[in-house]
Protein backbone atom coordinates (compact mmCIF):
# COMPACT_ATOMS: atom_id res chain seq x y z
CA UNK A 1 15.42 33.53 17.35
CA UNK A 2 14.70 35.27 14.03
CA UNK A 3 18.39 34.95 13.15
CA UNK A 4 18.23 31.19 13.86
CA UNK A 5 15.36 30.70 11.43
CA UNK A 6 17.11 32.76 8.75
CA UNK A 7 20.15 30.50 9.07
CA UNK A 8 17.93 27.40 9.01
CA UNK A 9 16.19 28.57 5.84
CA UNK A 10 19.53 29.30 4.16
CA UNK A 11 20.83 25.83 5.03
CA UNK A 12 17.67 24.14 3.79
CA UNK A 13 17.77 26.18 0.60
CA UNK A 14 21.40 25.24 -0.01
CA UNK A 15 20.70 21.55 0.54
CA UNK A 16 17.73 21.61 -1.81
CA UNK A 17 19.73 23.45 -4.46
CA UNK A 18 22.42 20.79 -4.28
CA UNK A 19 19.76 18.10 -4.48
CA UNK A 20 18.38 19.48 -7.73
CA UNK A 21 21.54 18.41 -9.53
CA UNK A 22 20.45 14.78 -9.26
CA UNK A 23 17.64 13.38 -11.39
CA UNK A 24 15.03 10.95 -10.15
CA UNK A 25 14.63 7.78 -12.19
CA UNK A 26 11.48 7.92 -14.36
CA UNK A 27 8.64 5.62 -13.39
CA UNK A 28 7.07 3.25 -15.90
CA UNK A 29 3.33 2.94 -16.19
CA UNK A 30 2.20 0.23 -13.70
CA UNK A 31 0.42 -1.86 -16.35
CA UNK A 32 3.61 -2.04 -18.45
CA UNK A 33 5.34 -3.97 -15.68
CA UNK A 34 3.05 -6.97 -16.16
CA UNK A 35 4.09 -7.56 -19.75
CA UNK A 36 7.13 -9.59 -18.67
CA UNK A 37 5.31 -11.63 -16.03
CA UNK A 38 3.88 -15.06 -16.78
CA UNK A 39 0.15 -15.03 -16.00
CA UNK A 40 0.56 -18.43 -14.32
CA UNK A 41 2.74 -16.75 -11.69
CA UNK A 42 -0.43 -15.44 -10.04
CA UNK A 43 -2.29 -18.75 -9.80
CA UNK A 44 -3.51 -19.73 -6.31
CA UNK A 45 -0.87 -21.51 -4.26
CA UNK A 46 1.98 -20.56 -6.59
CA UNK A 47 4.93 -18.45 -5.41
CA UNK A 48 4.28 -14.89 -6.56
CA UNK A 49 6.70 -12.60 -8.42
CA UNK A 50 7.15 -10.65 -5.17
CA UNK A 51 7.35 -12.07 -1.65
CA UNK A 52 4.40 -10.10 -0.33
CA UNK A 53 1.10 -10.41 1.52
CA UNK A 54 -1.84 -8.51 2.92
CA UNK A 55 -1.18 -7.95 6.62
CA UNK A 56 -4.26 -7.52 8.79
CA UNK A 57 -4.45 -6.65 12.48
CA UNK A 58 -8.01 -7.56 13.45
CA UNK A 59 -10.22 -8.72 16.33
CA UNK A 60 -12.50 -11.74 16.27
CA UNK A 61 -15.43 -9.36 16.85
CA UNK A 62 -14.63 -7.60 13.55
CA UNK A 63 -15.35 -10.65 11.41
CA UNK A 64 -18.24 -9.14 9.44
CA UNK A 65 -16.30 -5.96 8.66
CA UNK A 66 -13.26 -8.00 7.71
CA UNK A 67 -15.27 -10.08 5.27
CA UNK A 68 -16.67 -6.93 3.68
CA UNK A 69 -13.15 -5.56 3.21
CA UNK A 70 -11.92 -8.86 1.77
CA UNK A 71 -14.81 -8.99 -0.67
CA UNK A 72 -13.81 -5.51 -1.86
CA UNK A 73 -10.12 -6.27 -2.31
CA UNK A 74 -10.82 -9.66 -3.87
CA UNK A 75 -13.27 -8.26 -6.43
CA UNK A 76 -11.10 -5.28 -7.31
CA UNK A 77 -7.67 -6.91 -7.25
CA UNK A 78 -6.85 -10.19 -5.60
CA UNK A 79 -9.07 -12.58 -7.51
CA UNK A 80 -6.58 -11.98 -10.35
CA UNK A 81 -3.37 -11.93 -8.31
CA UNK A 82 -3.98 -14.25 -5.33
CA UNK A 83 -1.55 -12.73 -2.85
CA UNK A 84 -1.77 -14.37 0.59
CA UNK A 85 -3.26 -12.91 3.77
CA UNK A 86 -1.62 -12.78 7.18
CA UNK A 87 -4.09 -12.16 10.03
CA UNK A 88 -2.73 -11.04 13.41
CA UNK A 89 -4.50 -10.73 16.77
CA UNK A 90 -3.44 -10.25 20.38
CA UNK A 91 -5.63 -13.27 21.30
CA UNK A 92 -6.25 -16.57 19.55
CA UNK A 93 -8.48 -16.42 16.50
CA UNK A 94 -11.75 -18.31 16.80
CA UNK A 95 -12.48 -21.26 14.50
CA UNK A 96 -15.37 -19.24 13.08
CA UNK A 97 -13.12 -16.33 12.17
CA UNK A 98 -10.53 -18.55 10.50
CA UNK A 99 -13.07 -20.61 8.55
CA UNK A 100 -15.10 -17.68 7.26
CA UNK A 101 -12.18 -15.46 6.23
CA UNK A 102 -10.45 -18.36 4.47
CA UNK A 103 -13.66 -18.93 2.50
CA UNK A 104 -13.47 -15.39 1.08
CA UNK A 105 -10.38 -16.06 -1.06
CA UNK A 106 -8.55 -18.67 -3.12
CA UNK A 107 -5.25 -17.31 -1.79
CA UNK A 108 -3.33 -18.76 1.13
CA UNK A 109 -4.26 -17.46 4.59
CA UNK A 110 -2.27 -17.57 7.83
CA UNK A 111 -3.31 -16.70 11.38
CA UNK A 112 -0.90 -15.55 14.05
CA UNK A 113 -0.96 -14.45 17.67
CA UNK A 114 1.02 -11.38 18.72
CA UNK A 115 3.68 -12.08 21.38
CA UNK A 116 2.77 -10.68 24.79
CA UNK A 117 5.89 -8.50 24.84
CA UNK A 118 4.67 -6.73 21.72
CA UNK A 119 1.22 -5.96 23.16
CA UNK A 120 1.85 -4.95 26.77
CA UNK A 121 3.44 -2.22 28.86
CA UNK A 122 7.24 -2.22 28.75
CA UNK A 123 8.90 -2.20 32.14
CA UNK A 124 9.91 1.47 31.99
CA UNK A 125 6.32 2.75 31.69
CA UNK A 126 4.73 4.13 34.87
CA UNK A 127 1.22 2.71 34.51
CA UNK A 128 -0.22 4.92 37.25
CA UNK A 129 1.01 8.01 35.45
CA UNK A 130 -0.24 6.59 32.13
CA UNK A 131 -3.71 6.23 33.66
CA UNK A 132 -3.60 9.84 34.84
CA UNK A 133 -2.58 10.96 31.35
CA UNK A 134 -5.51 9.10 29.78
CA UNK A 135 -7.92 10.75 32.19
CA UNK A 136 -6.51 14.18 31.40
CA UNK A 137 -6.77 13.59 27.65
CA UNK A 138 -10.34 12.38 28.09
CA UNK A 139 -11.25 15.70 29.72
CA UNK A 140 -9.68 17.43 26.72
CA UNK A 141 -11.93 15.49 24.35
CA UNK A 142 -9.12 13.58 22.60
CA UNK A 143 -10.28 10.67 20.43
CA UNK A 144 -9.53 7.25 21.98
CA UNK A 145 -8.24 9.07 25.06
CA UNK A 146 -9.17 6.28 27.49
CA UNK A 147 -8.32 3.31 25.29
CA UNK A 148 -5.36 1.20 26.35
CA UNK A 149 -5.81 -1.25 23.47
CA UNK A 150 -5.59 1.60 20.95
CA UNK A 151 -2.21 2.55 22.37
CA UNK A 152 -0.98 -1.03 22.27
CA UNK A 153 -2.13 -1.21 18.64
CA UNK A 154 -0.26 1.99 17.70
CA UNK A 155 2.91 0.80 19.42
CA UNK A 156 2.67 -2.62 17.75
CA UNK A 157 2.14 -1.12 14.29
CA UNK A 158 4.99 1.33 14.88
CA UNK A 159 7.66 -1.08 15.97
CA UNK A 160 6.67 -4.74 16.00
CA UNK A 161 4.37 -5.90 13.19
CA UNK A 162 7.31 -6.44 10.82
CA UNK A 163 9.05 -8.66 13.41
CA UNK A 164 6.24 -11.23 13.60
CA UNK A 165 7.33 -14.71 12.59
CA UNK A 166 4.68 -14.94 9.85
CA UNK A 167 6.25 -11.98 8.04
CA UNK A 168 9.85 -13.15 8.14
CA UNK A 169 9.74 -14.59 4.61
CA UNK A 170 8.09 -11.46 3.16
CA UNK A 171 9.65 -8.43 1.50
CA UNK A 172 6.50 -6.29 1.11
CA UNK A 173 3.16 -5.90 2.89
CA UNK A 174 -0.20 -4.29 2.13
CA UNK A 175 -2.13 -3.21 5.20
CA UNK A 176 -5.89 -3.80 5.22
CA UNK A 177 -8.45 -3.06 7.92
CA UNK A 178 -12.07 -4.12 8.46
CA UNK A 179 -14.82 -2.16 6.68
CA UNK A 180 -12.55 -0.35 4.22
CA UNK A 181 -13.74 0.02 0.64
CA UNK A 182 -11.92 -0.22 -2.69
CA UNK A 183 -13.79 1.58 -5.44
CA UNK A 184 -11.54 1.07 -8.50
CA UNK A 185 -10.33 -1.97 -10.41
CA UNK A 186 -6.60 -2.50 -9.82
CA UNK A 187 -5.31 -4.18 -12.98
CA UNK A 188 -1.61 -4.27 -12.11
CA UNK A 189 0.51 -5.62 -9.27
CA UNK A 190 1.42 -2.76 -6.85
CA UNK A 191 4.02 -4.97 -5.18
CA UNK A 192 5.81 -5.60 -8.47
CA UNK A 193 5.50 -1.93 -9.40
CA UNK A 194 7.14 -0.89 -6.12
CA UNK A 195 9.87 -3.51 -6.33
CA UNK A 196 10.91 -2.61 -9.87
CA UNK A 197 10.75 1.13 -9.29
CA UNK A 198 12.61 1.06 -5.98
CA UNK A 199 9.62 2.40 -4.03
CA UNK A 200 9.70 1.73 -0.29
CA UNK A 201 6.40 3.21 0.90
CA UNK A 202 3.02 3.83 -0.72
CA UNK A 203 -0.02 5.77 0.50
CA UNK A 204 -3.40 7.03 -0.71
CA UNK A 205 -4.24 9.82 1.76
CA UNK A 206 -2.03 12.13 3.83
CA UNK A 207 -3.58 14.17 6.63
CA UNK A 208 -2.73 16.59 9.42
CA UNK A 209 -2.51 14.91 12.83
CA UNK A 210 -4.49 16.14 15.84
CA UNK A 211 -1.79 18.10 17.71
CA UNK A 212 -3.20 17.22 21.13
CA UNK A 213 -2.32 13.54 20.53
CA UNK A 214 1.40 14.18 19.91
CA UNK A 215 2.50 17.18 22.02
CA UNK A 216 6.07 15.94 22.55
CA UNK A 217 6.56 13.67 19.53
CA UNK A 218 8.49 16.22 17.49
CA UNK A 219 10.82 17.23 20.31
CA UNK A 220 11.54 13.54 20.85
CA UNK A 221 12.29 13.11 17.14
CA UNK A 222 14.65 16.09 17.20
CA UNK A 223 16.46 14.67 20.21
CA UNK A 224 16.94 11.43 18.28
CA UNK A 225 18.23 13.31 15.22
CA UNK A 226 20.74 15.14 17.38
CA UNK A 227 21.98 11.79 18.71
CA UNK A 228 21.81 9.96 15.36
CA UNK A 229 22.08 12.48 12.49
CA UNK A 230 22.45 9.68 9.94
CA UNK A 231 18.70 9.14 10.40
CA UNK A 232 18.01 12.06 8.03
CA UNK A 233 18.80 11.38 4.37
CA UNK A 234 16.15 13.58 2.74
CA UNK A 235 16.48 17.34 3.16
CA UNK A 236 13.20 18.15 1.39
CA UNK A 237 11.31 15.85 3.73
CA UNK A 238 11.82 18.36 6.53
CA UNK A 239 9.89 20.91 4.48
CA UNK A 240 6.94 18.49 4.28
CA UNK A 241 6.96 17.93 8.04
CA UNK A 242 7.60 21.48 9.22
CA UNK A 243 6.61 24.94 8.02
CA UNK A 244 9.24 26.72 10.11
CA UNK A 245 12.52 25.02 9.34
CA UNK A 246 12.12 22.20 11.85
CA UNK A 247 11.10 24.16 14.94
CA UNK A 248 7.63 22.61 15.06
CA UNK A 249 5.75 19.70 13.47
CA UNK A 250 2.91 20.59 11.12
CA UNK A 251 1.20 17.21 11.65
CA UNK A 252 1.58 15.88 8.10
CA UNK A 253 1.41 12.09 8.00
CA UNK A 254 0.48 9.29 5.63
CA UNK A 255 -2.79 7.75 6.80
CA UNK A 256 -1.51 4.32 7.67
CA UNK A 257 -4.73 2.28 7.57
CA UNK A 258 -3.72 2.01 3.91
CA UNK A 259 -0.06 1.51 3.29
CA UNK A 260 1.99 -0.70 1.02
CA UNK A 261 5.59 -0.91 2.06
CA UNK A 262 8.96 -2.58 1.84
CA UNK A 263 9.65 -4.38 5.09
CA UNK A 264 13.36 -3.67 4.65
CA UNK A 265 12.60 -0.03 5.48
CA UNK A 266 11.18 -0.93 8.90
CA UNK A 267 13.81 -3.56 9.56
CA UNK A 268 16.69 -1.17 8.87
CA UNK A 269 19.02 -0.30 11.78
CA UNK A 270 18.10 3.38 11.38
CA UNK A 271 14.38 2.77 11.75
CA UNK A 272 14.83 0.35 14.65
CA UNK A 273 16.95 2.88 16.53
CA UNK A 274 14.36 5.58 15.83
CA UNK A 275 11.52 3.43 17.14
CA UNK A 276 13.50 2.45 20.23
CA UNK A 277 14.11 6.13 21.03
CA UNK A 278 10.39 6.90 20.72
CA UNK A 279 9.39 3.82 22.69
CA UNK A 280 11.73 4.71 25.56
CA UNK A 281 10.25 8.21 25.71
CA UNK A 282 6.85 6.75 26.63
CA UNK A 283 4.66 8.80 24.30
CA UNK A 284 2.69 5.81 23.08
CA UNK A 285 1.22 5.55 26.60
CA UNK A 286 1.64 8.97 28.22
CA UNK A 287 0.22 10.67 25.13
CA UNK A 288 -1.42 9.00 22.16
CA UNK A 289 1.22 8.73 19.50
CA UNK A 290 -0.16 6.98 16.44
CA UNK A 291 1.71 4.71 14.09
CA UNK A 292 0.78 7.01 11.18
CA UNK A 293 2.93 9.99 12.23
CA UNK A 294 5.64 7.63 13.48
CA UNK A 295 5.82 5.93 10.07
CA UNK A 296 5.48 9.18 8.14
CA UNK A 297 8.22 11.08 9.94
CA UNK A 298 10.61 8.20 9.32
CA UNK A 299 9.61 7.86 5.66
CA UNK A 300 9.88 11.59 5.01
CA UNK A 301 13.35 11.89 6.54
CA UNK A 302 14.87 8.50 5.66
CA UNK A 303 13.57 7.98 2.13
CA UNK A 304 13.98 9.94 -1.07
CA UNK A 305 10.89 11.47 -2.64
CA UNK A 306 10.76 8.89 -5.45
CA UNK A 307 10.84 6.10 -2.84
CA UNK A 308 7.46 7.26 -1.47
CA UNK A 309 4.56 6.88 -3.91
CA UNK A 310 1.05 8.32 -3.92
CA UNK A 311 -1.29 5.61 -5.23
CA UNK A 312 -3.62 8.23 -6.63
CA UNK A 313 -5.15 5.61 -8.96
CA UNK A 314 -6.38 3.36 -6.11
CA UNK A 315 -9.89 4.30 -5.00
CA UNK A 316 -9.95 3.82 -1.23
CA UNK A 317 -12.31 4.71 1.60
CA UNK A 318 -11.82 4.50 5.34
CA UNK A 319 -14.37 6.45 7.32
CA UNK A 320 -14.44 9.44 6.97
CA UNK A 321 -11.90 9.96 4.16
CA UNK A 322 -11.92 8.92 0.51
CA UNK A 323 -9.20 8.79 -2.13
CA UNK A 324 -10.82 8.92 -5.57
CA UNK A 325 -8.84 9.35 -8.81
CA UNK A 326 -9.50 12.70 -10.47
CA UNK A 327 -8.88 11.80 -14.12
CA UNK A 328 -11.71 11.19 -16.57
CA UNK A 329 -10.25 7.83 -17.62
CA UNK A 330 -10.42 6.59 -14.03
CA UNK A 331 -14.19 6.91 -14.03
CA UNK A 332 -14.35 3.96 -16.42
CA UNK A 333 -12.97 1.65 -13.71
CA UNK A 334 -14.14 3.40 -10.51
CA UNK A 335 -17.47 4.03 -8.82
CA UNK A 336 -16.34 6.72 -6.34
CA UNK A 337 -17.18 10.42 -6.62
CA UNK A 338 -14.05 12.46 -7.48
CA UNK A 339 -15.64 15.58 -5.99
CA UNK A 340 -15.57 13.93 -2.56
CA UNK A 341 -11.90 12.95 -2.62
CA UNK A 342 -9.84 13.94 0.42
CA UNK A 343 -7.23 15.56 -1.79
CA UNK A 344 -9.64 18.47 -2.32
CA UNK A 345 -9.92 19.13 1.42
CA UNK A 346 -7.50 21.28 3.43
CA UNK A 347 -7.13 18.65 6.16
CA UNK A 348 -5.65 16.30 3.54
CA UNK A 349 -3.46 18.90 1.83
CA UNK A 350 -0.39 16.90 2.86
CA UNK A 351 -1.34 14.40 0.12
CA UNK A 352 -0.40 16.74 -2.71
CA UNK A 353 2.28 18.57 -0.75
CA UNK A 354 4.45 15.45 -0.81
CA UNK A 355 4.10 15.18 -4.58
CA UNK A 356 4.98 18.87 -4.94
CA UNK A 357 8.34 18.50 -3.18
CA UNK A 358 11.44 18.88 -5.40
CA UNK A 359 11.88 15.76 -7.53
CA UNK A 360 15.61 15.38 -6.93
CA UNK A 361 16.95 14.81 -3.44
CA UNK A 362 20.15 14.14 -1.55
CA UNK A 363 21.62 10.70 -2.15
CA UNK A 364 23.78 10.43 0.96
CA UNK A 365 23.38 11.08 4.69
CA UNK A 366 23.48 14.76 5.61
CA UNK A 367 26.60 15.66 7.66
CA UNK A 368 26.06 15.93 11.40
CA UNK A 369 27.36 19.50 11.44
CA UNK A 370 24.73 20.48 8.89
CA UNK A 371 21.94 18.82 10.84
CA UNK A 372 22.93 20.49 14.08
CA UNK A 373 22.69 23.88 12.39
CA UNK A 374 19.48 22.86 10.63
CA UNK A 375 17.50 21.85 13.69
CA UNK A 376 16.70 23.90 16.78
CA UNK A 377 17.61 22.30 20.10
CA UNK A 378 15.67 19.22 21.16
CA UNK A 379 14.28 21.16 24.10
CA UNK A 380 12.49 23.63 21.82
CA UNK A 381 8.73 23.66 22.14
CA UNK A 382 6.42 21.81 19.84
């Protein structure tokens, strides 16, 4: 086994050395990107420079928390930019919910119902066994162990939100949840910044996952890589996900209650095949696979480092974690406490570890022969 890991480390080192020959395109300051945009392009009801929207999965019972979150994002950003909102629910929205959320913004709002097939058990899931698994996880003290709706939510956010009819004319989305807080003025358009810089995924906080929620996720991912090696395009991403050359998963993931992303990433054949492999394995229901590690593993392995961006300048809070900019200049536009930022905590060390990866990465799929030597067998333990 020791010999295997030596070989793995040599292969990874060789790939990274080759990657360093390529330079990553420099990123412009976000505010500079607005200089060429007509201010009238952000007027209410006018087509925006980027086909994008806030996408919100929310219950009718979360109306008050949703209004608080909207007030935050409107005051800090959207009263200047007027990007539309798309609200999704597995049941019909109430007239009260639609009226009161629409009153919070001058931007367009849309309300959609999730198709039953996207929020139900697929036919291959043994629901009796799934119930037994939930009971066992409950005895282990796992968060949301008994919740079926939580599992449907994670599966929907992993593989279906981007397929909803209300998102078909969009290229980018910004995920928002009830009761989140935005503590800094955002004086540029993150969608435009991402589009012009070729960024596919943006985050504010990256954490370690609870291992008891994903005991077989990594072995399932490795089985998929063995079957579809073209899934991996980013050698350094494996280093972010695993501390032992791919044998086990270290739990690093982008906390997906905040994410801004290119929908083309999720709609790609590679991502769809990846999700289908995970879905067929049953871990969304037999375990408690979250959409955050599902998204993060795909982003880390499919995208180059410069295609994943840490929005360090966006002050964001979702209980219990905070992202607060650390620079002195940020304090002039933020009210958060930098000393309480998640980036200073071990549990969120993945946040900086992504930024610290080598800047230059492979620009083509890694050969199957290389991947087979890089990864231990799919049957290896977590």
